[in-house]
Amino acid sequence: MSPARRERAEPVHEVLKALAEPRRVAILRLVHARELPAGEIAKRFSSTRQAVSQHLRLLTEAGLLQERREGTRRLYRLRPEAFEQLREFLGTFWDERLASLKRAVERDGRTRRGRR
């Protein structure tokens, strides 16, 4: 893998690791429409505040959340731009699959026309 490709893959790898945990995905769903304080996020889960705090930290480090301080409160919101690299990464596979499907359909079409 080229250094440039590896550099792009590393953030995507961190995003994929962050999305692998269902509670972190649930947190992202909570903050996708509006900014929420850490305490309000933690209230929505049966796990400890410390556990939710660790999830918030990991999501922030992965670039999926933005943290803003307001006095003693920590407010979190989704960073939609963080999903662009993931979308690009997954698009590579999607484009390859679509190209493969197109080739198969075209091949099948030629085969069927040859039978007539």
N, C-alpha and C. Protein backbone atom coordinates (compact mmCIF):
# COMPACT_ATOMS: atom_id res chain seq x y z
N MET A 1 0.85 -1.18 0.00
CA MET A 1 0.00 0.00 0.00
C MET A 1 0.89 1.23 0.00
N SER A 2 0.56 2.20 -0.85
CA SER A 2 1.37 3.41 -0.94
C SER A 2 1.20 4.24 0.34
N PRO A 3 2.20 5.08 0.67
CA PRO A 3 2.08 5.91 1.88
C PRO A 3 0.85 6.82 1.84
N ALA A 4 0.54 7.38 0.67
CA ALA A 4 -0.63 8.27 0.57
C ALA A 4 -1.91 7.49 0.83
N ARG A 5 -2.00 6.29 0.27
CA ARG A 5 -3.19 5.47 0.47
C ARG A 5 -3.31 5.04 1.93
N ARG A 6 -2.17 4.69 2.56
CA ARG A 6 -2.17 4.29 3.97
C ARG A 6 -2.63 5.46 4.83
N GLU A 7 -2.17 6.67 4.49
CA GLU A 7 -2.55 7.85 5.26
C GLU A 7 -4.06 8.07 5.21
N ARG A 8 -4.67 7.85 4.04
CA ARG A 8 -6.13 7.98 3.92
C ARG A 8 -6.84 6.84 4.62
N ALA A 9 -6.26 5.65 4.63
CA ALA A 9 -6.91 4.47 5.20
C ALA A 9 -6.94 4.53 6.73
N GLU A 10 -5.92 5.12 7.34
CA GLU A 10 -5.86 5.13 8.80
C GLU A 10 -7.05 5.84 9.44
N PRO A 11 -7.44 7.05 8.99
CA PRO A 11 -8.63 7.65 9.60
C PRO A 11 -9.89 6.81 9.37
N VAL A 12 -10.01 6.21 8.20
CA VAL A 12 -11.16 5.37 7.92
C VAL A 12 -11.15 4.16 8.85
N HIS A 13 -9.97 3.61 9.10
CA HIS A 13 -9.85 2.48 10.02
C HIS A 13 -10.34 2.88 11.41
N GLU A 14 -9.96 4.06 11.87
CA GLU A 14 -10.41 4.53 13.19
C GLU A 14 -11.92 4.74 13.22
N VAL A 15 -12.47 5.25 12.13
CA VAL A 15 -13.92 5.44 12.05
C VAL A 15 -14.63 4.09 12.09
N LEU A 16 -14.14 3.13 11.33
CA LEU A 16 -14.76 1.80 11.32
C LEU A 16 -14.69 1.16 12.70
N LYS A 17 -13.55 1.30 13.38
CA LYS A 17 -13.44 0.76 14.75
C LYS A 17 -14.45 1.43 15.67
N ALA A 18 -14.60 2.73 15.53
CA ALA A 18 -15.54 3.46 16.38
C ALA A 18 -16.98 3.02 16.12
N LEU A 19 -17.31 2.75 14.87
CA LEU A 19 -18.67 2.36 14.50
C LEU A 19 -18.98 0.90 14.82
N ALA A 20 -17.97 0.15 15.20
CA ALA A 20 -18.17 -1.28 15.50
C ALA A 20 -18.89 -1.52 16.82
N GLU A 21 -18.99 -0.52 17.65
CA GLU A 21 -19.61 -0.66 18.98
C GLU A 21 -21.02 -0.06 18.92
N PRO A 22 -22.05 -0.84 19.18
CA PRO A 22 -23.44 -0.36 19.06
C PRO A 22 -23.76 0.88 19.91
N ARG A 23 -23.18 0.99 21.09
CA ARG A 23 -23.47 2.17 21.92
C ARG A 23 -22.92 3.44 21.30
N ARG A 24 -21.77 3.31 20.61
CA ARG A 24 -21.21 4.49 19.95
C ARG A 24 -22.09 4.91 18.78
N VAL A 25 -22.63 3.95 18.06
CA VAL A 25 -23.55 4.27 16.96
C VAL A 25 -24.80 4.95 17.54
N ALA A 26 -25.28 4.45 18.67
CA ALA A 26 -26.45 5.05 19.33
C ALA A 26 -26.15 6.49 19.74
N ILE A 27 -24.95 6.76 20.21
CA ILE A 27 -24.55 8.12 20.57
C ILE A 27 -24.58 9.01 19.33
N LEU A 28 -24.05 8.51 18.24
CA LEU A 28 -24.05 9.30 16.99
C LEU A 28 -25.48 9.61 16.55
N ARG A 29 -26.37 8.65 16.72
CA ARG A 29 -27.77 8.89 16.36
C ARG A 29 -28.38 9.98 17.24
N LEU A 30 -28.00 10.00 18.50
CA LEU A 30 -28.52 11.01 19.43
C LEU A 30 -28.09 12.42 19.03
N VAL A 31 -26.86 12.56 18.61
CA VAL A 31 -26.32 13.90 18.36
C VAL A 31 -26.32 14.29 16.88
N HIS A 32 -26.90 13.46 16.03
CA HIS A 32 -26.84 13.77 14.60
C HIS A 32 -27.64 15.02 14.24
N ALA A 33 -28.71 15.31 14.96
CA ALA A 33 -29.55 16.45 14.63
C ALA A 33 -29.25 17.68 15.48
N ARG A 34 -28.71 17.46 16.67
CA ARG A 34 -28.45 18.62 17.54
C ARG A 34 -27.34 18.32 18.54
N GLU A 35 -26.74 19.36 18.99
CA GLU A 35 -25.67 19.28 19.99
C GLU A 35 -26.29 18.93 21.35
N LEU A 36 -25.62 18.02 22.06
CA LEU A 36 -26.10 17.61 23.38
C LEU A 36 -24.97 17.63 24.39
N PRO A 37 -25.29 17.97 25.65
CA PRO A 37 -24.26 17.89 26.69
C PRO A 37 -23.99 16.43 27.07
N ALA A 38 -22.79 16.19 27.54
CA ALA A 38 -22.38 14.83 27.90
C ALA A 38 -23.33 14.20 28.92
N GLY A 39 -23.78 14.99 29.89
CA GLY A 39 -24.69 14.46 30.92
C GLY A 39 -26.00 13.96 30.34
N GLU A 40 -26.54 14.70 29.38
CA GLU A 40 -27.79 14.28 28.76
C GLU A 40 -27.59 13.03 27.91
N ILE A 41 -26.46 12.93 27.27
CA ILE A 41 -26.15 11.72 26.50
C ILE A 41 -26.06 10.53 27.45
N ALA A 42 -25.33 10.72 28.55
CA ALA A 42 -25.13 9.63 29.52
C ALA A 42 -26.45 9.14 30.12
N LYS A 43 -27.41 10.05 30.32
CA LYS A 43 -28.71 9.66 30.89
C LYS A 43 -29.46 8.66 30.03
N ARG A 44 -29.17 8.64 28.75
CA ARG A 44 -29.88 7.77 27.81
C ARG A 44 -29.39 6.32 27.82
N PHE A 45 -28.32 6.06 28.59
CA PHE A 45 -27.72 4.73 28.61
C PHE A 45 -27.70 4.17 30.02
N SER A 46 -27.77 2.85 30.12
CA SER A 46 -27.74 2.20 31.43
C SER A 46 -26.31 2.03 31.93
N SER A 47 -25.32 2.25 31.08
CA SER A 47 -23.92 2.12 31.52
C SER A 47 -23.52 3.35 32.34
N THR A 48 -22.36 3.27 32.95
CA THR A 48 -21.89 4.35 33.81
C THR A 48 -21.54 5.59 32.99
N ARG A 49 -21.51 6.72 33.66
CA ARG A 49 -21.11 7.97 32.99
C ARG A 49 -19.68 7.86 32.48
N GLN A 50 -18.85 7.17 33.24
CA GLN A 50 -17.46 6.98 32.84
C GLN A 50 -17.37 6.19 31.53
N ALA A 51 -18.20 5.16 31.40
CA ALA A 51 -18.20 4.37 30.17
C ALA A 51 -18.65 5.22 28.99
N VAL A 52 -19.70 6.01 29.18
CA VAL A 52 -20.19 6.90 28.12
C VAL A 52 -19.11 7.93 27.78
N SER A 53 -18.44 8.43 28.79
CA SER A 53 -17.36 9.39 28.57
C SER A 53 -16.25 8.79 27.70
N GLN A 54 -15.92 7.54 27.94
CA GLN A 54 -14.90 6.87 27.13
C GLN A 54 -15.37 6.73 25.69
N HIS A 55 -16.65 6.42 25.49
CA HIS A 55 -17.19 6.32 24.13
C HIS A 55 -17.13 7.69 23.44
N LEU A 56 -17.49 8.74 24.17
CA LEU A 56 -17.45 10.09 23.61
C LEU A 56 -16.02 10.47 23.22
N ARG A 57 -15.08 10.12 24.06
CA ARG A 57 -13.67 10.43 23.77
C ARG A 57 -13.20 9.69 22.51
N LEU A 58 -13.54 8.42 22.41
CA LEU A 58 -13.14 7.64 21.24
C LEU A 58 -13.78 8.19 19.96
N LEU A 59 -15.06 8.54 20.03
CA LEU A 59 -15.74 9.12 18.87
C LEU A 59 -15.14 10.46 18.47
N THR A 60 -14.74 11.23 19.46
CA THR A 60 -14.10 12.52 19.18
C THR A 60 -12.73 12.31 18.55
N GLU A 61 -11.95 11.38 19.10
CA GLU A 61 -10.62 11.09 18.56
C GLU A 61 -10.70 10.53 17.14
N ALA A 62 -11.76 9.79 16.84
CA ALA A 62 -11.95 9.25 15.49
C ALA A 62 -12.42 10.33 14.52
N GLY A 63 -12.76 11.50 15.06
CA GLY A 63 -13.19 12.62 14.23
C GLY A 63 -14.67 12.64 13.91
N LEU A 64 -15.45 11.77 14.57
CA LEU A 64 -16.88 11.70 14.29
C LEU A 64 -17.69 12.71 15.10
N LEU A 65 -17.15 13.13 16.23
CA LEU A 65 -17.82 14.13 17.07
C LEU A 65 -16.93 15.35 17.25
N GLN A 66 -17.59 16.47 17.45
CA GLN A 66 -16.87 17.68 17.83
C GLN A 66 -17.29 18.03 19.25
N GLU A 67 -16.31 18.32 20.07
CA GLU A 67 -16.58 18.69 21.46
C GLU A 67 -16.43 20.20 21.61
N ARG A 68 -17.38 20.80 22.31
CA ARG A 68 -17.32 22.23 22.59
C ARG A 68 -17.56 22.41 24.08
N ARG A 69 -16.72 23.24 24.68
CA ARG A 69 -16.90 23.50 26.13
C ARG A 69 -17.66 24.79 26.33
N GLU A 70 -18.59 24.72 27.25
CA GLU A 70 -19.38 25.88 27.64
C GLU A 70 -19.38 25.91 29.16
N GLY A 71 -18.48 26.68 29.72
CA GLY A 71 -18.29 26.66 31.17
C GLY A 71 -17.72 25.31 31.57
N THR A 72 -18.44 24.61 32.44
CA THR A 72 -17.98 23.28 32.86
C THR A 72 -18.61 22.17 32.04
N ARG A 73 -19.53 22.52 31.16
CA ARG A 73 -20.22 21.51 30.35
C ARG A 73 -19.44 21.19 29.09
N ARG A 74 -19.55 19.94 28.67
CA ARG A 74 -18.98 19.51 27.39
C ARG A 74 -20.15 19.16 26.48
N LEU A 75 -20.19 19.83 25.35
CA LEU A 75 -21.27 19.63 24.39
C LEU A 75 -20.72 18.91 23.17
N TYR A 76 -21.50 17.98 22.66
CA TYR A 76 -21.05 17.17 21.53
C TYR A 76 -22.03 17.28 20.38
N ARG A 77 -21.44 17.33 19.17
CA ARG A 77 -22.26 17.30 17.97
C ARG A 77 -21.56 16.47 16.91
N LEU A 78 -22.35 15.95 16.01
CA LEU A 78 -21.83 15.13 14.92
C LEU A 78 -21.03 15.99 13.94
N ARG A 79 -19.97 15.43 13.40
CA ARG A 79 -19.18 16.07 12.35
C ARG A 79 -19.49 15.34 11.04
N PRO A 80 -20.50 15.80 10.28
CA PRO A 80 -20.88 15.09 9.05
C PRO A 80 -19.73 14.96 8.06
N GLU A 81 -18.84 15.93 8.05
CA GLU A 81 -17.70 15.86 7.12
C GLU A 81 -16.79 14.68 7.41
N ALA A 82 -16.83 14.17 8.62
CA ALA A 82 -16.00 13.01 8.98
C ALA A 82 -16.45 11.76 8.23
N PHE A 83 -17.68 11.75 7.79
CA PHE A 83 -18.20 10.60 7.08
C PHE A 83 -17.83 10.61 5.59
N GLU A 84 -17.28 11.72 5.11
CA GLU A 84 -16.89 11.81 3.70
C GLU A 84 -15.81 10.79 3.34
N GLN A 85 -14.78 10.68 4.18
CA GLN A 85 -13.73 9.70 3.90
C GLN A 85 -14.29 8.28 3.93
N LEU A 86 -15.17 8.02 4.87
CA LEU A 86 -15.79 6.70 4.94
C LEU A 86 -16.62 6.45 3.69
N ARG A 87 -17.39 7.43 3.29
CA ARG A 87 -18.21 7.31 2.09
C ARG A 87 -17.33 7.04 0.87
N GLU A 88 -16.21 7.75 0.77
CA GLU A 88 -15.27 7.56 -0.33
C GLU A 88 -14.69 6.14 -0.30
N PHE A 89 -14.29 5.70 0.88
CA PHE A 89 -13.73 4.36 1.06
C PHE A 89 -14.73 3.29 0.64
N LEU A 90 -15.95 3.38 1.13
CA LEU A 90 -16.97 2.40 0.80
C LEU A 90 -17.39 2.50 -0.66
N GLY A 91 -17.34 3.71 -1.20
CA GLY A 91 -17.68 3.91 -2.61
C GLY A 91 -16.77 3.14 -3.54
N THR A 92 -15.53 2.95 -3.13
CA THR A 92 -14.59 2.18 -3.93
C THR A 92 -15.13 0.77 -4.14
N PHE A 93 -15.61 0.16 -3.09
CA PHE A 93 -16.16 -1.19 -3.18
C PHE A 93 -17.46 -1.20 -3.98
N TRP A 94 -18.29 -0.19 -3.74
CA TRP A 94 -19.56 -0.09 -4.44
C TRP A 94 -19.31 0.07 -5.94
N ASP A 95 -18.38 0.96 -6.32
CA ASP A 95 -18.07 1.17 -7.73
C ASP A 95 -17.56 -0.11 -8.37
N GLU A 96 -16.71 -0.85 -7.66
CA GLU A 96 -16.19 -2.11 -8.18
C GLU A 96 -17.31 -3.12 -8.39
N ARG A 97 -18.24 -3.20 -7.44
CA ARG A 97 -19.35 -4.15 -7.54
C ARG A 97 -20.28 -3.76 -8.68
N LEU A 98 -20.55 -2.46 -8.84
CA LEU A 98 -21.41 -2.02 -9.94
C LEU A 98 -20.77 -2.32 -11.29
N ALA A 99 -19.46 -2.09 -11.41
CA ALA A 99 -18.76 -2.38 -12.66
C ALA A 99 -18.81 -3.88 -12.95
N SER A 100 -18.65 -4.70 -11.92
CA SER A 100 -18.71 -6.15 -12.09
C SER A 100 -20.12 -6.58 -12.52
N LEU A 101 -21.14 -6.00 -11.91
CA LEU A 101 -22.52 -6.30 -12.28
C LEU A 101 -22.79 -5.89 -13.73
N LYS A 102 -22.31 -4.72 -14.11
CA LYS A 102 -22.49 -4.24 -15.49
C LYS A 102 -21.87 -5.21 -16.48
N ARG A 103 -20.65 -5.65 -16.19
CA ARG A 103 -19.98 -6.61 -17.08
C ARG A 103 -20.77 -7.90 -17.19
N ALA A 104 -21.28 -8.39 -16.06
CA ALA A 104 -22.05 -9.64 -16.07
C ALA A 104 -23.34 -9.48 -16.88
N VAL A 105 -24.03 -8.38 -16.73
CA VAL A 105 -25.27 -8.15 -17.47
C VAL A 105 -24.97 -8.03 -18.96
N GLU A 106 -23.93 -7.30 -19.30
CA GLU A 106 -23.56 -7.17 -20.71
C GLU A 106 -23.17 -8.52 -21.31
N ARG A 107 -22.43 -9.31 -20.57
CA ARG A 107 -22.02 -10.64 -21.02
C ARG A 107 -23.25 -11.53 -21.22
N ASP A 108 -24.17 -11.46 -20.27
CA ASP A 108 -25.39 -12.24 -20.35
C ASP A 108 -26.23 -11.79 -21.55
N GLY A 109 -26.29 -10.49 -21.79
CA GLY A 109 -27.04 -9.96 -22.93
C GLY A 109 -26.47 -10.45 -24.26
N ARG A 110 -25.15 -10.47 -24.35
CA ARG A 110 -24.52 -10.96 -25.58
C ARG A 110 -24.78 -12.45 -25.76
N THR A 111 -24.75 -13.21 -24.69
CA THR A 111 -24.99 -14.65 -24.74
C THR A 111 -26.42 -14.91 -25.20
N ARG A 112 -27.37 -14.19 -24.66
CA ARG A 112 -28.79 -14.39 -25.02
C ARG A 112 -29.04 -14.01 -26.48
N ARG A 113 -28.41 -12.93 -26.92
CA ARG A 113 -28.58 -12.53 -28.32
C ARG A 113 -27.99 -13.58 -29.26
N GLY A 114 -26.91 -14.23 -28.83
CA GLY A 114 -26.27 -15.25 -29.65
C GLY A 114 -27.10 -16.51 -29.79
N ARG A 115 -28.02 -16.75 -28.86
CA ARG A 115 -28.88 -17.95 -28.90
C ARG A 115 -30.04 -17.79 -29.86
N ARG A 116 -30.38 -16.58 -30.19
CA ARG A 116 -31.57 -16.34 -31.03
C ARG A 116 -31.33 -16.70 -32.45
